[in-house]
Amino acid sequence: MADRIILRTGEALVEDEAGWSAAEPEVVIGELDGPVGAAIAQLMGDQTRGHSRVFALLNCDVQVRPVTVMVSKVTVNREKYTNILMGTVQAAVANGVLDAVRAGVIPREKVNDLGIIISIWLDPAVLTAEDVNYEILFRTHREATAKAIGKALRNEPSIDWLLENQDQIVHCFHQMALDGQI
């Protein structure tokens, strides 16, 4: 049996050329009998208008393991956004979780003992873009989910890497502000 995973965090950014394609999930993963399990129960029992919490599903009636709760970082108030979030992105997240299991990142023997909370970034530009490619959207969210889970369970980036690279890394939006683009 693998060691207990009390609570780990991770994030990732995966994007294609189009701005609407960006996937930037943040994950919390841990044992269901610990703080992550308590948080999942709280999230599912305390729904908030515009930020519904739903399980990651491969399709209606097919929930993935480990149990994964999706929460939108953007207030959901349009039917089209809801349908993309609860369709393409929900399926992508479910597949990303299973990809992490298949790759051995999530120990297979722990799938019924762990839970994942994933905050989802779905760019609101998908509402107005005329060229949305749902295969690209699916791929970026699937890849970003697996990547964020992997980073969480490998404790990446390490504190040594962060300290060594701190002065070379400038947050992309801060750099845009410095460049007068914001």
C-alpha atoms as a PDB file:
ATOM      1  CA  MET A   1       0.000   0.000   0.000  1.00  0.00           C
ATOM      2  CA  ALA A   2       1.298   3.438  -0.892  1.00  0.00           C
ATOM      3  CA  ASP A   3       2.012   6.022   1.790  1.00  0.00           C
ATOM      4  CA  ARG A   4      -0.825   8.247   2.957  1.00  0.00           C
ATOM      5  CA  ILE A   5      -1.334  11.362   0.911  1.00  0.00           C
ATOM      6  CA  ILE A   6      -2.809  13.833   3.369  1.00  0.00           C
ATOM      7  CA  LEU A   7      -2.999  16.936   1.186  1.00  0.00           C
ATOM      8  CA  ARG A   8      -0.970  17.917  -1.868  1.00  0.00           C
ATOM      9  CA  THR A   9      -1.422  20.822  -4.257  1.00  0.00           C
ATOM     10  CA  GLY A  10      -0.476  21.425  -7.855  1.00  0.00           C
ATOM     11  CA  GLU A  11      -1.214  23.601 -10.849  1.00  0.00           C
ATOM     12  CA  ALA A  12      -0.468  23.634 -14.533  1.00  0.00           C
ATOM     13  CA  LEU A  13      -0.888  25.727 -17.639  1.00  0.00           C
ATOM     14  CA  VAL A  14      -1.459  24.159 -21.038  1.00  0.00           C
ATOM     15  CA  GLU A  15      -2.560  26.178 -24.036  1.00  0.00           C
ATOM     16  CA  ASP A  16      -2.762  26.073 -27.782  1.00  0.00           C
ATOM     17  CA  GLU A  17      -2.479  29.062 -30.121  1.00  0.00           C
ATOM     18  CA  ALA A  18      -5.967  30.455 -29.490  1.00  0.00           C
ATOM     19  CA  GLY A  19      -6.493  32.300 -26.211  1.00  0.00           C
ATOM     20  CA  TRP A  20      -9.724  30.421 -25.452  1.00  0.00           C
ATOM     21  CA  SER A  21      -7.741  27.147 -25.408  1.00  0.00           C
ATOM     22  CA  ALA A  22      -5.895  27.843 -22.154  1.00  0.00           C
ATOM     23  CA  ALA A  23      -6.369  25.385 -19.330  1.00  0.00           C
ATOM     24  CA  GLU A  24      -4.994  26.407 -15.946  1.00  0.00           C
ATOM     25  CA  PRO A  25      -6.260  24.018 -13.272  1.00  0.00           C
ATOM     26  CA  GLU A  26      -5.301  24.075  -9.636  1.00  0.00           C
ATOM     27  CA  VAL A  27      -5.691  20.811  -7.741  1.00  0.00           C
ATOM     28  CA  VAL A  28      -5.838  19.627  -4.177  1.00  0.00           C
ATOM     29  CA  ILE A  29      -5.491  15.877  -3.700  1.00  0.00           C
ATOM     30  CA  GLY A  30      -5.565  13.794  -0.545  1.00  0.00           C
ATOM     31  CA  GLU A  31      -7.128  11.023   1.470  1.00  0.00           C
ATOM     32  CA  LEU A  32     -10.917  10.963   1.728  1.00  0.00           C
ATOM     33  CA  ASP A  33     -10.683  10.401   5.492  1.00  0.00           C
ATOM     34  CA  GLY A  34      -8.688  13.634   5.899  1.00  0.00           C
ATOM     35  CA  PRO A  35      -9.090  17.319   5.115  1.00  0.00           C
ATOM     36  CA  VAL A  36      -9.615  16.766   1.382  1.00  0.00           C
ATOM     37  CA  GLY A  37     -12.517  14.401   1.976  1.00  0.00           C
ATOM     38  CA  ALA A  38     -14.079  16.863   4.410  1.00  0.00           C
ATOM     39  CA  ALA A  39     -13.651  19.671   1.874  1.00  0.00           C
ATOM     40  CA  ILE A  40     -15.240  17.590  -0.898  1.00  0.00           C
ATOM     41  CA  ALA A  41     -18.271  16.840   1.296  1.00  0.00           C
ATOM     42  CA  GLN A  42     -18.552  20.532   2.205  1.00  0.00           C
ATOM     43  CA  LEU A  43     -18.261  21.671  -1.426  1.00  0.00           C
ATOM     44  CA  MET A  44     -20.871  19.219  -2.678  1.00  0.00           C
ATOM     45  CA  GLY A  45     -23.300  20.082   0.118  1.00  0.00           C
ATOM     46  CA  ASP A  46     -22.894  23.847  -0.135  1.00  0.00           C
ATOM     47  CA  GLN A  47     -23.557  24.730  -3.758  1.00  0.00           C
ATOM     48  CA  THR A  48     -23.080  28.370  -4.749  1.00  0.00           C
ATOM     49  CA  ARG A  49     -24.915  30.062  -7.604  1.00  0.00           C
ATOM     50  CA  GLY A  50     -22.552  30.600 -10.522  1.00  0.00           C
ATOM     51  CA  HIS A  51     -19.912  28.290  -9.052  1.00  0.00           C
ATOM     52  CA  SER A  52     -21.602  24.884  -9.052  1.00  0.00           C
ATOM     53  CA  ARG A  53     -19.550  21.948  -7.883  1.00  0.00           C
ATOM     54  CA  VAL A  54     -19.816  18.809  -9.993  1.00  0.00           C
ATOM     55  CA  PHE A  55     -18.054  15.478 -10.180  1.00  0.00           C
ATOM     56  CA  ALA A  56     -15.734  14.810 -13.097  1.00  0.00           C
ATOM     57  CA  LEU A  57     -17.572  12.402 -15.391  1.00  0.00           C
ATOM     58  CA  LEU A  58     -16.551  10.506 -18.497  1.00  0.00           C
ATOM     59  CA  ASN A  59     -20.206  10.702 -19.453  1.00  0.00           C
ATOM     60  CA  CYS A  60     -23.470  10.968 -17.585  1.00  0.00           C
ATOM     61  CA  ASP A  61     -23.631   8.069 -15.142  1.00  0.00           C
ATOM     62  CA  VAL A  62     -19.842   7.351 -15.348  1.00  0.00           C
ATOM     63  CA  GLN A  63     -17.918   9.030 -12.523  1.00  0.00           C
ATOM     64  CA  VAL A  64     -14.133   8.635 -12.372  1.00  0.00           C
ATOM     65  CA  ARG A  65     -11.934   7.450  -9.549  1.00  0.00           C
ATOM     66  CA  PRO A  66     -10.451   9.040  -7.562  1.00  0.00           C
ATOM     67  CA  VAL A  67     -13.574  11.082  -6.947  1.00  0.00           C
ATOM     68  CA  THR A  68     -12.907  14.499  -8.473  1.00  0.00           C
ATOM     69  CA  VAL A  69     -14.900  17.653  -7.773  1.00  0.00           C
ATOM     70  CA  MET A  70     -14.721  20.464 -10.318  1.00  0.00           C
ATOM     71  CA  VAL A  71     -15.193  24.104  -9.295  1.00  0.00           C
ATOM     72  CA  SER A  72     -15.189  26.915 -11.841  1.00  0.00           C
ATOM     73  CA  LYS A  73     -12.857  29.870 -11.259  1.00  0.00           C
ATOM     74  CA  VAL A  74     -15.195  31.982 -13.423  1.00  0.00           C
ATOM     75  CA  THR A  75     -18.775  32.813 -12.470  1.00  0.00           C
ATOM     76  CA  VAL A  76     -20.987  30.686 -14.685  1.00  0.00           C
ATOM     77  CA  ASN A  77     -24.017  32.617 -15.862  1.00  0.00           C
ATOM     78  CA  ARG A  78     -24.500  31.640 -19.510  1.00  0.00           C
ATOM     79  CA  GLU A  79     -25.981  28.404 -20.834  1.00  0.00           C
ATOM     80  CA  LYS A  80     -23.310  28.000 -23.523  1.00  0.00           C
ATOM     81  CA  TYR A  81     -20.527  28.352 -20.931  1.00  0.00           C
ATOM     82  CA  THR A  82     -22.287  25.833 -18.687  1.00  0.00           C
ATOM     83  CA  ASN A  83     -22.629  23.351 -21.543  1.00  0.00           C
ATOM     84  CA  ILE A  84     -18.934  23.614 -22.469  1.00  0.00           C
ATOM     85  CA  LEU A  85     -17.817  23.415 -18.828  1.00  0.00           C
ATOM     86  CA  MET A  86     -20.128  20.511 -17.998  1.00  0.00           C
ATOM     87  CA  GLY A  87     -19.448  18.738 -21.288  1.00  0.00           C
ATOM     88  CA  THR A  88     -16.116  19.142 -23.039  1.00  0.00           C
ATOM     89  CA  VAL A  89     -14.160  20.290 -19.988  1.00  0.00           C
ATOM     90  CA  GLN A  90     -15.809  17.879 -17.555  1.00  0.00           C
ATOM     91  CA  ALA A  91     -14.966  14.941 -19.833  1.00  0.00           C
ATOM     92  CA  ALA A  92     -11.431  16.267 -20.346  1.00  0.00           C
ATOM     93  CA  VAL A  93     -10.840  16.497 -16.601  1.00  0.00           C
ATOM     94  CA  ALA A  94     -12.176  12.967 -16.099  1.00  0.00           C
ATOM     95  CA  ASN A  95      -9.835  11.667 -18.791  1.00  0.00           C
ATOM     96  CA  GLY A  96      -6.901  13.602 -17.312  1.00  0.00           C
ATOM     97  CA  VAL A  97      -7.515  11.984 -13.916  1.00  0.00           C
ATOM     98  CA  LEU A  98      -7.565   8.531 -15.523  1.00  0.00           C
ATOM     99  CA  ASP A  99      -4.404   9.391 -17.494  1.00  0.00           C
ATOM    100  CA  ALA A 100      -2.686  10.128 -14.169  1.00  0.00           C
ATOM    101  CA  VAL A 101      -3.800   6.729 -12.832  1.00  0.00           C
ATOM    102  CA  ARG A 102      -2.720   4.930 -16.009  1.00  0.00           C
ATOM    103  CA  ALA A 103       0.719   6.601 -15.854  1.00  0.00           C
ATOM    104  CA  GLY A 104       1.157   5.472 -12.242  1.00  0.00           C
ATOM    105  CA  VAL A 105       1.162   9.050 -10.923  1.00  0.00           C
ATOM    106  CA  ILE A 106      -1.886   8.236  -8.820  1.00  0.00           C
ATOM    107  CA  PRO A 107      -1.327   4.821  -7.240  1.00  0.00           C
ATOM    108  CA  ARG A 108      -3.994   2.470  -8.587  1.00  0.00           C
ATOM    109  CA  GLU A 109      -4.473   0.890  -5.169  1.00  0.00           C
ATOM    110  CA  LYS A 110      -5.382   4.330  -3.767  1.00  0.00           C
ATOM    111  CA  VAL A 111      -8.094   5.381  -6.261  1.00  0.00           C
ATOM    112  CA  ASN A 112     -10.952   4.662  -3.842  1.00  0.00           C
ATOM    113  CA  ASP A 113      -9.161   6.331  -0.919  1.00  0.00           C
ATOM    114  CA  LEU A 114      -8.214   9.642  -2.551  1.00  0.00           C
ATOM    115  CA  GLY A 115     -10.193  12.683  -3.582  1.00  0.00           C
ATOM    116  CA  ILE A 116      -9.343  15.570  -5.866  1.00  0.00           C
ATOM    117  CA  ILE A 117     -10.673  19.120  -5.931  1.00  0.00           C
ATOM    118  CA  ILE A 118      -9.898  20.891  -9.179  1.00  0.00           C
ATOM    119  CA  SER A 119     -10.452  24.581  -9.830  1.00  0.00           C
ATOM    120  CA  ILE A 120     -11.090  25.036 -13.523  1.00  0.00           C
ATOM    121  CA  TRP A 121     -10.196  28.002 -15.730  1.00  0.00           C
ATOM    122  CA  LEU A 122     -12.321  28.052 -18.859  1.00  0.00           C
ATOM    123  CA  ASP A 123     -11.697  31.295 -20.701  1.00  0.00           C
ATOM    124  CA  PRO A 124     -14.985  33.209 -21.120  1.00  0.00           C
ATOM    125  CA  ALA A 125     -13.772  34.029 -24.652  1.00  0.00           C
ATOM    126  CA  VAL A 126     -15.235  30.649 -25.682  1.00  0.00           C
ATOM    127  CA  LEU A 127     -18.602  32.404 -25.606  1.00  0.00           C
ATOM    128  CA  THR A 128     -17.772  34.861 -28.369  1.00  0.00           C
ATOM    129  CA  ALA A 129     -14.991  33.172 -30.349  1.00  0.00           C
ATOM    130  CA  GLU A 130     -16.142  31.943 -33.734  1.00  0.00           C
ATOM    131  CA  ASP A 131     -13.316  29.453 -34.168  1.00  0.00           C
ATOM    132  CA  VAL A 132     -13.623  27.330 -31.004  1.00  0.00           C
ATOM    133  CA  ASN A 133     -12.255  23.879 -31.670  1.00  0.00           C
ATOM    134  CA  TYR A 134     -13.651  21.563 -29.010  1.00  0.00           C
ATOM    135  CA  GLU A 135     -11.008  18.894 -29.679  1.00  0.00           C
ATOM    136  CA  ILE A 136      -8.279  21.417 -28.819  1.00  0.00           C
ATOM    137  CA  LEU A 137     -10.217  22.538 -25.742  1.00  0.00           C
ATOM    138  CA  PHE A 138     -10.627  18.910 -24.660  1.00  0.00           C
ATOM    139  CA  ARG A 139      -6.920  18.164 -25.223  1.00  0.00           C
ATOM    140  CA  THR A 140      -5.601  21.189 -23.300  1.00  0.00           C
ATOM    141  CA  HIS A 141      -7.843  20.547 -20.284  1.00  0.00           C
ATOM    142  CA  ARG A 142      -7.051  16.828 -20.267  1.00  0.00           C
ATOM    143  CA  GLU A 143      -3.313  17.426 -20.460  1.00  0.00           C
ATOM    144  CA  ALA A 144      -3.385  20.227 -17.866  1.00  0.00           C
ATOM    145  CA  THR A 145      -5.346  18.065 -15.419  1.00  0.00           C
ATOM    146  CA  ALA A 146      -2.864  15.186 -15.604  1.00  0.00           C
ATOM    147  CA  LYS A 147       0.054  17.622 -15.420  1.00  0.00           C
ATOM    148  CA  ALA A 148      -1.312  19.413 -12.318  1.00  0.00           C
ATOM    149  CA  ILE A 149      -1.952  16.106 -10.545  1.00  0.00           C
ATOM    150  CA  GLY A 150       1.565  14.938 -11.384  1.00  0.00           C
ATOM    151  CA  LYS A 151       3.101  18.134 -10.063  1.00  0.00           C
ATOM    152  CA  ALA A 152       1.064  17.810  -6.856  1.00  0.00           C
ATOM    153  CA  LEU A 153       2.081  14.236  -6.177  1.00  0.00           C
ATOM    154  CA  ARG A 154       5.748  14.866  -7.046  1.00  0.00           C
ATOM    155  CA  ASN A 155       5.837  18.061  -4.939  1.00  0.00           C
ATOM    156  CA  GLU A 156       6.852  20.152  -7.945  1.00  0.00           C
ATOM    157  CA  PRO A 157       8.365  22.589  -8.141  1.00  0.00           C
ATOM    158  CA  SER A 158      10.713  21.786  -5.291  1.00  0.00           C
ATOM    159  CA  ILE A 159      11.745  24.477  -2.840  1.00  0.00           C
ATOM    160  CA  ASP A 160      15.346  24.182  -4.088  1.00  0.00           C
ATOM    161  CA  TRP A 161      14.246  24.863  -7.680  1.00  0.00           C
ATOM    162  CA  LEU A 162      12.071  27.780  -6.555  1.00  0.00           C
ATOM    163  CA  LEU A 163      14.885  29.388  -4.565  1.00  0.00           C
ATOM    164  CA  GLU A 164      17.382  28.901  -7.401  1.00  0.00           C
ATOM    165  CA  ASN A 165      15.040  30.383 -10.032  1.00  0.00           C
ATOM    166  CA  GLN A 166      13.120  32.995  -8.043  1.00  0.00           C
ATOM    167  CA  ASP A 167      14.853  36.012  -9.559  1.00  0.00           C
ATOM    168  CA  GLN A 168      14.634  34.732 -13.148  1.00  0.00           C
ATOM    169  CA  ILE A 169      10.884  34.193 -13.172  1.00  0.00           C
ATOM    170  CA  VAL A 170       8.473  37.061 -13.735  1.00  0.00           C
ATOM    171  CA  HIS A 171       4.737  36.388 -13.587  1.00  0.00           C
ATOM    172  CA  CYS A 172       3.376  36.679 -17.145  1.00  0.00           C
ATOM    173  CA  PHE A 173       0.637  39.185 -16.251  1.00  0.00           C
ATOM    174  CA  HIS A 174       3.073  41.244 -14.186  1.00  0.00           C
ATOM    175  CA  GLN A 175       5.403  41.319 -17.203  1.00  0.00           C
ATOM    176  CA  MET A 176       2.505  42.500 -19.381  1.00  0.00           C
ATOM    177  CA  ALA A 177       1.886  45.308 -16.882  1.00  0.00           C
ATOM    178  CA  LEU A 178       5.569  46.219 -16.921  1.00  0.00           C
ATOM    179  CA  ASP A 179       5.447  46.276 -20.734  1.00  0.00           C
ATOM    180  CA  GLY A 180       2.381  48.564 -20.697  1.00  0.00           C
ATOM    181  CA  GLN A 181       0.113  45.904 -22.218  1.00  0.00           C
ATOM    182  CA  ILE A 182      -2.413  46.016 -19.375  1.00  0.00           C
END
